Amino acid sequence: MTLHSFQPGGKQPAGGTRSPLTMDAEVPSQTGAGIRILLADDDEVLRVVQSDFLRRFGYDVHAAEDGRAAMKYLAAQAVDLVITDMVMPGSDGVEVIRHIRKTYPQLKIIAISGGGATKRELLLDIARVLGVAKTLEKPFTMTALLKAVREVIEEK
Protein backbone atom coordinates (compact mmCIF):
# COMPACT_ATOMS: atom_id res chain seq x y z
CA MET A 1 0.00 0.00 0.00
CA THR A 2 1.48 3.36 -0.99
CA LEU A 3 0.85 6.28 1.31
CA HIS A 4 2.20 9.00 -0.98
CA SER A 5 4.77 9.19 -3.72
CA PHE A 6 6.36 12.44 -2.63
CA GLN A 7 10.09 12.72 -3.04
CA PRO A 8 12.19 15.63 -1.82
CA GLY A 9 12.59 18.19 -4.57
CA GLY A 10 9.49 16.94 -6.36
CA LYS A 11 11.27 13.89 -7.82
CA GLN A 12 9.30 10.73 -8.30
CA PRO A 13 10.82 7.34 -7.57
CA ALA A 14 12.28 5.64 -10.62
CA GLY A 15 10.83 2.31 -11.66
CA GLY A 16 11.81 -0.29 -9.11
CA THR A 17 13.08 2.27 -6.58
CA ARG A 18 11.30 2.08 -3.27
CA SER A 19 9.78 5.30 -2.06
CA PRO A 20 10.55 6.05 1.60
CA LEU A 21 6.82 6.60 1.99
CA THR A 22 5.59 3.08 1.23
CA MET A 23 4.47 0.27 3.43
CA ASP A 24 5.63 -3.32 2.85
CA ALA A 25 2.36 -4.83 3.99
CA GLU A 26 -0.66 -4.11 6.06
CA VAL A 27 0.32 -2.97 9.54
CA PRO A 28 -1.53 -4.15 12.63
CA SER A 29 -3.53 -1.39 14.30
CA GLN A 30 -1.87 -1.75 17.72
CA THR A 31 -2.04 1.62 19.43
CA GLY A 32 0.77 3.81 20.69
CA ALA A 33 -1.52 5.75 23.01
CA GLY A 34 0.35 7.70 25.66
CA ILE A 35 3.75 7.32 23.97
CA ARG A 36 5.37 10.69 23.22
CA ILE A 37 7.80 10.86 20.30
CA LEU A 38 10.02 13.72 19.19
CA LEU A 39 10.90 13.46 15.48
CA ALA A 40 13.75 15.69 14.23
CA ASP A 41 14.31 15.84 10.47
CA ASP A 42 15.10 18.83 8.27
CA ASP A 43 13.26 17.30 5.27
CA GLU A 44 9.79 18.79 5.68
CA VAL A 45 7.99 16.25 3.48
CA LEU A 46 9.48 13.26 5.28
CA ARG A 47 8.98 14.89 8.69
CA VAL A 48 5.29 15.52 8.02
CA VAL A 49 4.59 12.13 6.46
CA GLN A 50 6.42 10.20 9.19
CA SER A 51 4.73 12.21 11.95
CA ASP A 52 1.28 11.79 10.44
CA PHE A 53 1.87 8.08 9.93
CA LEU A 54 2.89 7.50 13.54
CA ARG A 55 -0.07 9.56 14.77
CA ARG A 56 -2.37 7.16 12.88
CA PHE A 57 -1.21 4.50 15.33
CA GLY A 58 -1.92 6.61 18.39
CA TYR A 59 1.54 8.04 19.06
CA ASP A 60 1.78 11.62 20.28
CA VAL A 61 4.37 13.05 17.87
CA HIS A 62 6.06 16.43 18.00
CA ALA A 63 8.11 17.32 14.91
CA ALA A 64 11.24 19.47 14.99
CA GLU A 65 12.87 20.92 11.86
CA ASP A 66 16.44 20.59 13.14
CA GLY A 67 18.60 19.60 16.09
CA ARG A 68 18.35 22.97 17.83
CA ALA A 69 14.56 22.85 17.77
CA ALA A 70 14.66 19.26 19.07
CA MET A 71 16.93 20.15 22.00
CA LYS A 72 14.78 23.18 22.84
CA TYR A 73 11.67 21.01 22.85
CA LEU A 74 13.36 18.41 25.09
CA ALA A 75 14.20 21.14 27.62
CA ALA A 76 10.49 21.96 27.93
CA GLN A 77 8.72 18.61 27.39
CA ALA A 78 9.33 15.01 28.40
CA VAL A 79 9.22 12.38 25.64
CA ASP A 80 9.54 8.59 25.53
CA LEU A 81 11.48 8.35 22.28
CA VAL A 82 13.50 10.60 19.98
CA ILE A 83 13.87 9.86 16.28
CA THR A 84 16.63 12.01 14.82
CA ASP A 85 18.04 12.44 11.37
CA MET A 86 21.84 12.46 11.42
CA VAL A 87 22.33 15.17 8.77
CA MET A 88 20.62 18.47 9.55
CA PRO A 89 21.72 22.10 9.34
CA GLY A 90 22.74 23.78 12.55
CA SER A 91 22.79 21.06 15.18
CA ASP A 92 23.10 17.65 13.55
CA GLY A 93 22.10 14.22 14.84
CA VAL A 94 25.46 13.60 16.54
CA GLU A 95 25.03 16.77 18.59
CA VAL A 96 21.43 15.85 19.44
CA ILE A 97 22.43 12.34 20.54
CA ARG A 98 25.34 13.62 22.65
CA HIS A 99 23.06 16.19 24.30
CA ILE A 100 20.47 13.51 25.07
CA ARG A 101 23.05 11.09 26.48
CA LYS A 102 24.44 13.83 28.74
CA THR A 103 21.13 15.33 29.85
CA TYR A 104 18.61 12.45 29.57
CA PRO A 105 20.75 9.27 29.62
CA GLN A 106 17.80 6.84 29.75
CA LEU A 107 15.94 8.39 26.80
CA LYS A 108 15.53 6.01 23.87
CA ILE A 109 16.77 7.13 20.45
CA ILE A 110 16.35 5.95 16.86
CA ALA A 111 18.84 7.47 14.40
CA ILE A 112 17.96 7.79 10.71
CA SER A 113 20.16 8.83 7.81
CA GLY A 114 20.26 9.09 4.07
CA GLY A 115 23.92 10.04 4.19
CA GLY A 116 24.44 13.56 2.98
CA ALA A 117 28.09 14.39 2.34
CA THR A 118 29.19 11.52 4.62
CA LYS A 119 28.25 7.92 3.96
CA ARG A 120 25.13 6.96 5.87
CA GLU A 121 26.72 3.76 7.20
CA LEU A 122 29.45 5.80 8.90
CA LEU A 123 26.92 8.18 10.43
CA LEU A 124 24.78 5.34 11.69
CA ASP A 125 27.86 3.57 13.08
CA ILE A 126 28.67 6.76 15.02
CA ALA A 127 25.08 6.83 16.30
CA ARG A 128 25.41 3.22 17.50
CA VAL A 129 28.66 4.04 19.32
CA LEU A 130 26.85 6.92 21.02
CA GLY A 131 24.23 4.48 22.28
CA VAL A 132 21.13 4.75 20.11
CA ALA A 133 18.67 1.89 20.38
CA LYS A 134 18.10 1.44 16.65
CA THR A 135 19.17 2.85 13.28
CA LEU A 136 17.36 3.11 9.95
CA GLU A 137 18.88 3.88 6.56
CA LYS A 138 16.87 6.13 4.24
CA PRO A 139 14.93 5.30 2.27
CA PHE A 140 12.96 3.08 4.62
CA THR A 141 9.34 2.04 4.56
CA MET A 142 6.76 3.28 7.01
CA THR A 143 6.37 -0.34 8.12
CA ALA A 144 10.07 -0.42 9.03
CA LEU A 145 9.69 2.86 10.96
CA LEU A 146 6.68 1.56 12.89
CA LYS A 147 8.44 -1.74 13.62
CA ALA A 148 11.53 0.09 14.92
CA VAL A 149 9.42 2.38 17.12
CA ARG A 150 7.52 -0.55 18.60
CA GLU A 151 10.69 -2.57 19.24
CA VAL A 152 12.45 0.33 20.95
CA ILE A 153 9.43 1.28 23.06
CA GLU A 154 9.00 -2.33 24.20
CA GLU A 155 12.68 -2.68 25.23
CA LYS A 156 13.24 -2.66 28.95
C-alpha atoms as a PDB file:
ATOM      1  CA  MET A   1       0.000   0.000   0.000  1.00  0.00           C
ATOM      2  CA  THR A   2       1.485   3.356  -0.992  1.00  0.00           C
ATOM      3  CA  LEU A   3       0.848   6.285   1.306  1.00  0.00           C
ATOM      4  CA  HIS A   4       2.203   8.999  -0.978  1.00  0.00           C
ATOM      5  CA  SER A   5       4.768   9.193  -3.720  1.00  0.00           C
ATOM      6  CA  PHE A   6       6.356  12.444  -2.632  1.00  0.00           C
ATOM      7  CA  GLN A   7      10.093  12.723  -3.042  1.00  0.00           C
ATOM      8  CA  PRO A   8      12.194  15.630  -1.819  1.00  0.00           C
ATOM      9  CA  GLY A   9      12.592  18.194  -4.566  1.00  0.00           C
ATOM     10  CA  GLY A  10       9.489  16.940  -6.360  1.00  0.00           C
ATOM     11  CA  LYS A  11      11.272  13.893  -7.819  1.00  0.00           C
ATOM     12  CA  GLN A  12       9.304  10.731  -8.303  1.00  0.00           C
ATOM     13  CA  PRO A  13      10.820   7.340  -7.566  1.00  0.00           C
ATOM     14  CA  ALA A  14      12.279   5.644 -10.618  1.00  0.00           C
ATOM     15  CA  GLY A  15      10.832   2.310 -11.664  1.00  0.00           C
ATOM     16  CA  GLY A  16      11.808  -0.294  -9.113  1.00  0.00           C
ATOM     17  CA  THR A  17      13.076   2.265  -6.585  1.00  0.00           C
ATOM     18  CA  ARG A  18      11.304   2.075  -3.268  1.00  0.00           C
ATOM     19  CA  SER A  19       9.781   5.303  -2.056  1.00  0.00           C
ATOM     20  CA  PRO A  20      10.548   6.048   1.604  1.00  0.00           C
ATOM     21  CA  LEU A  21       6.823   6.597   1.994  1.00  0.00           C
ATOM     22  CA  THR A  22       5.589   3.082   1.227  1.00  0.00           C
ATOM     23  CA  MET A  23       4.472   0.265   3.425  1.00  0.00           C
ATOM     24  CA  ASP A  24       5.631  -3.315   2.854  1.00  0.00           C
ATOM     25  CA  ALA A  25       2.362  -4.830   3.988  1.00  0.00           C
ATOM     26  CA  GLU A  26      -0.660  -4.106   6.064  1.00  0.00           C
ATOM     27  CA  VAL A  27       0.324  -2.968   9.539  1.00  0.00           C
ATOM     28  CA  PRO A  28      -1.534  -4.151  12.631  1.00  0.00           C
ATOM     29  CA  SER A  29      -3.530  -1.394  14.303  1.00  0.00           C
ATOM     30  CA  GLN A  30      -1.871  -1.747  17.725  1.00  0.00           C
ATOM     31  CA  THR A  31      -2.039   1.618  19.430  1.00  0.00           C
ATOM     32  CA  GLY A  32       0.772   3.810  20.689  1.00  0.00           C
ATOM     33  CA  ALA A  33      -1.523   5.754  23.014  1.00  0.00           C
ATOM     34  CA  GLY A  34       0.347   7.699  25.664  1.00  0.00           C
ATOM     35  CA  ILE A  35       3.749   7.320  23.973  1.00  0.00           C
ATOM     36  CA  ARG A  36       5.369  10.689  23.218  1.00  0.00           C
ATOM     37  CA  ILE A  37       7.801  10.857  20.302  1.00  0.00           C
ATOM     38  CA  LEU A  38      10.023  13.717  19.187  1.00  0.00           C
ATOM     39  CA  LEU A  39      10.904  13.458  15.484  1.00  0.00           C
ATOM     40  CA  ALA A  40      13.746  15.687  14.227  1.00  0.00           C
ATOM     41  CA  ASP A  41      14.307  15.836  10.467  1.00  0.00           C
ATOM     42  CA  ASP A  42      15.099  18.826   8.267  1.00  0.00           C
ATOM     43  CA  ASP A  43      13.262  17.302   5.270  1.00  0.00           C
ATOM     44  CA  GLU A  44       9.792  18.786   5.676  1.00  0.00           C
ATOM     45  CA  VAL A  45       7.986  16.252   3.483  1.00  0.00           C
ATOM     46  CA  LEU A  46       9.480  13.261   5.280  1.00  0.00           C
ATOM     47  CA  ARG A  47       8.981  14.888   8.686  1.00  0.00           C
ATOM     48  CA  VAL A  48       5.287  15.523   8.018  1.00  0.00           C
ATOM     49  CA  VAL A  49       4.589  12.128   6.459  1.00  0.00           C
ATOM     50  CA  GLN A  50       6.422  10.197   9.186  1.00  0.00           C
ATOM     51  CA  SER A  51       4.730  12.210  11.955  1.00  0.00           C
ATOM     52  CA  ASP A  52       1.276  11.790  10.440  1.00  0.00           C
ATOM     53  CA  PHE A  53       1.868   8.078   9.926  1.00  0.00           C
ATOM     54  CA  LEU A  54       2.891   7.496  13.544  1.00  0.00           C
ATOM     55  CA  ARG A  55      -0.074   9.557  14.767  1.00  0.00           C
ATOM     56  CA  ARG A  56      -2.369   7.161  12.876  1.00  0.00           C
ATOM     57  CA  PHE A  57      -1.213   4.504  15.331  1.00  0.00           C
ATOM     58  CA  GLY A  58      -1.918   6.610  18.392  1.00  0.00           C
ATOM     59  CA  TYR A  59       1.542   8.037  19.055  1.00  0.00           C
ATOM     60  CA  ASP A  60       1.777  11.623  20.283  1.00  0.00           C
ATOM     61  CA  VAL A  61       4.369  13.055  17.867  1.00  0.00           C
ATOM     62  CA  HIS A  62       6.058  16.435  17.996  1.00  0.00           C
ATOM     63  CA  ALA A  63       8.109  17.316  14.907  1.00  0.00           C
ATOM     64  CA  ALA A  64      11.242  19.465  14.992  1.00  0.00           C
ATOM     65  CA  GLU A  65      12.869  20.917  11.861  1.00  0.00           C
ATOM     66  CA  ASP A  66      16.445  20.591  13.140  1.00  0.00           C
ATOM     67  CA  GLY A  67      18.602  19.604  16.092  1.00  0.00           C
ATOM     68  CA  ARG A  68      18.354  22.970  17.829  1.00  0.00           C
ATOM     69  CA  ALA A  69      14.564  22.854  17.772  1.00  0.00           C
ATOM     70  CA  ALA A  70      14.663  19.261  19.066  1.00  0.00           C
ATOM     71  CA  MET A  71      16.927  20.146  21.997  1.00  0.00           C
ATOM     72  CA  LYS A  72      14.784  23.184  22.838  1.00  0.00           C
ATOM     73  CA  TYR A  73      11.668  21.010  22.851  1.00  0.00           C
ATOM     74  CA  LEU A  74      13.356  18.414  25.091  1.00  0.00           C
ATOM     75  CA  ALA A  75      14.196  21.138  27.619  1.00  0.00           C
ATOM     76  CA  ALA A  76      10.489  21.955  27.932  1.00  0.00           C
ATOM     77  CA  GLN A  77       8.719  18.615  27.386  1.00  0.00           C
ATOM     78  CA  ALA A  78       9.327  15.005  28.400  1.00  0.00           C
ATOM     79  CA  VAL A  79       9.219  12.382  25.644  1.00  0.00           C
ATOM     80  CA  ASP A  80       9.544   8.594  25.535  1.00  0.00           C
ATOM     81  CA  LEU A  81      11.479   8.355  22.281  1.00  0.00           C
ATOM     82  CA  VAL A  82      13.504  10.601  19.979  1.00  0.00           C
ATOM     83  CA  ILE A  83      13.869   9.862  16.283  1.00  0.00           C
ATOM     84  CA  THR A  84      16.628  12.007  14.821  1.00  0.00           C
ATOM     85  CA  ASP A  85      18.044  12.440  11.366  1.00  0.00           C
ATOM     86  CA  MET A  86      21.838  12.463  11.417  1.00  0.00           C
ATOM     87  CA  VAL A  87      22.334  15.174   8.768  1.00  0.00           C
ATOM     88  CA  MET A  88      20.617  18.470   9.552  1.00  0.00           C
ATOM     89  CA  PRO A  89      21.723  22.098   9.343  1.00  0.00           C
ATOM     90  CA  GLY A  90      22.740  23.779  12.554  1.00  0.00           C
ATOM     91  CA  SER A  91      22.788  21.057  15.185  1.00  0.00           C
ATOM     92  CA  ASP A  92      23.099  17.649  13.554  1.00  0.00           C
ATOM     93  CA  GLY A  93      22.102  14.220  14.840  1.00  0.00           C
ATOM     94  CA  VAL A  94      25.459  13.599  16.537  1.00  0.00           C
ATOM     95  CA  GLU A  95      25.033  16.773  18.586  1.00  0.00           C
ATOM     96  CA  VAL A  96      21.427  15.850  19.437  1.00  0.00           C
ATOM     97  CA  ILE A  97      22.433  12.340  20.544  1.00  0.00           C
ATOM     98  CA  ARG A  98      25.344  13.624  22.653  1.00  0.00           C
ATOM     99  CA  HIS A  99      23.055  16.189  24.300  1.00  0.00           C
ATOM    100  CA  ILE A 100      20.466  13.512  25.072  1.00  0.00           C
ATOM    101  CA  ARG A 101      23.045  11.092  26.477  1.00  0.00           C
ATOM    102  CA  LYS A 102      24.441  13.829  28.741  1.00  0.00           C
ATOM    103  CA  THR A 103      21.128  15.327  29.851  1.00  0.00           C
ATOM    104  CA  TYR A 104      18.614  12.450  29.568  1.00  0.00           C
ATOM    105  CA  PRO A 105      20.749   9.268  29.625  1.00  0.00           C
ATOM    106  CA  GLN A 106      17.805   6.837  29.750  1.00  0.00           C
ATOM    107  CA  LEU A 107      15.938   8.389  26.803  1.00  0.00           C
ATOM    108  CA  LYS A 108      15.529   6.011  23.874  1.00  0.00           C
ATOM    109  CA  ILE A 109      16.767   7.132  20.448  1.00  0.00           C
ATOM    110  CA  ILE A 110      16.352   5.954  16.861  1.00  0.00           C
ATOM    111  CA  ALA A 111      18.841   7.471  14.402  1.00  0.00           C
ATOM    112  CA  ILE A 112      17.958   7.789  10.710  1.00  0.00           C
ATOM    113  CA  SER A 113      20.156   8.833   7.815  1.00  0.00           C
ATOM    114  CA  GLY A 114      20.263   9.090   4.067  1.00  0.00           C
ATOM    115  CA  GLY A 115      23.922  10.036   4.186  1.00  0.00           C
ATOM    116  CA  GLY A 116      24.440  13.563   2.980  1.00  0.00           C
ATOM    117  CA  ALA A 117      28.092  14.390   2.335  1.00  0.00           C
ATOM    118  CA  THR A 118      29.195  11.520   4.616  1.00  0.00           C
ATOM    119  CA  LYS A 119      28.253   7.922   3.959  1.00  0.00           C
ATOM    120  CA  ARG A 120      25.130   6.958   5.872  1.00  0.00           C
ATOM    121  CA  GLU A 121      26.716   3.761   7.196  1.00  0.00           C
ATOM    122  CA  LEU A 122      29.446   5.801   8.900  1.00  0.00           C
ATOM    123  CA  LEU A 123      26.921   8.185  10.434  1.00  0.00           C
ATOM    124  CA  LEU A 124      24.778   5.342  11.691  1.00  0.00           C
ATOM    125  CA  ASP A 125      27.863   3.575  13.083  1.00  0.00           C
ATOM    126  CA  ILE A 126      28.671   6.761  15.016  1.00  0.00           C
ATOM    127  CA  ALA A 127      25.081   6.826  16.305  1.00  0.00           C
ATOM    128  CA  ARG A 128      25.409   3.217  17.503  1.00  0.00           C
ATOM    129  CA  VAL A 129      28.661   4.035  19.323  1.00  0.00           C
ATOM    130  CA  LEU A 130      26.846   6.925  21.018  1.00  0.00           C
ATOM    131  CA  GLY A 131      24.225   4.478  22.283  1.00  0.00           C
ATOM    132  CA  VAL A 132      21.129   4.753  20.109  1.00  0.00           C
ATOM    133  CA  ALA A 133      18.667   1.891  20.385  1.00  0.00           C
ATOM    134  CA  LYS A 134      18.104   1.438  16.654  1.00  0.00           C
ATOM    135  CA  THR A 135      19.165   2.853  13.283  1.00  0.00           C
ATOM    136  CA  LEU A 136      17.356   3.110   9.950  1.00  0.00           C
ATOM    137  CA  GLU A 137      18.880   3.883   6.562  1.00  0.00           C
ATOM    138  CA  LYS A 138      16.874   6.125   4.243  1.00  0.00           C
ATOM    139  CA  PRO A 139      14.933   5.300   2.267  1.00  0.00           C
ATOM    140  CA  PHE A 140      12.964   3.079   4.621  1.00  0.00           C
ATOM    141  CA  THR A 141       9.341   2.036   4.564  1.00  0.00           C
ATOM    142  CA  MET A 142       6.760   3.284   7.006  1.00  0.00           C
ATOM    143  CA  THR A 143       6.366  -0.339   8.120  1.00  0.00           C
ATOM    144  CA  ALA A 144      10.072  -0.419   9.031  1.00  0.00           C
ATOM    145  CA  LEU A 145       9.689   2.856  10.961  1.00  0.00           C
ATOM    146  CA  LEU A 146       6.679   1.561  12.891  1.00  0.00           C
ATOM    147  CA  LYS A 147       8.436  -1.741  13.624  1.00  0.00           C
ATOM    148  CA  ALA A 148      11.534   0.090  14.918  1.00  0.00           C
ATOM    149  CA  VAL A 149       9.418   2.376  17.118  1.00  0.00           C
ATOM    150  CA  ARG A 150       7.524  -0.551  18.595  1.00  0.00           C
ATOM    151  CA  GLU A 151      10.689  -2.567  19.240  1.00  0.00           C
ATOM    152  CA  VAL A 152      12.448   0.334  20.952  1.00  0.00           C
ATOM    153  CA  ILE A 153       9.430   1.284  23.059  1.00  0.00           C
ATOM    154  CA  GLU A 154       8.997  -2.328  24.203  1.00  0.00           C
ATOM    155  CA  GLU A 155      12.681  -2.683  25.227  1.00  0.00           C
ATOM    156  CA  LYS A 156      13.236  -2.660  28.950  1.00  0.00           C
END
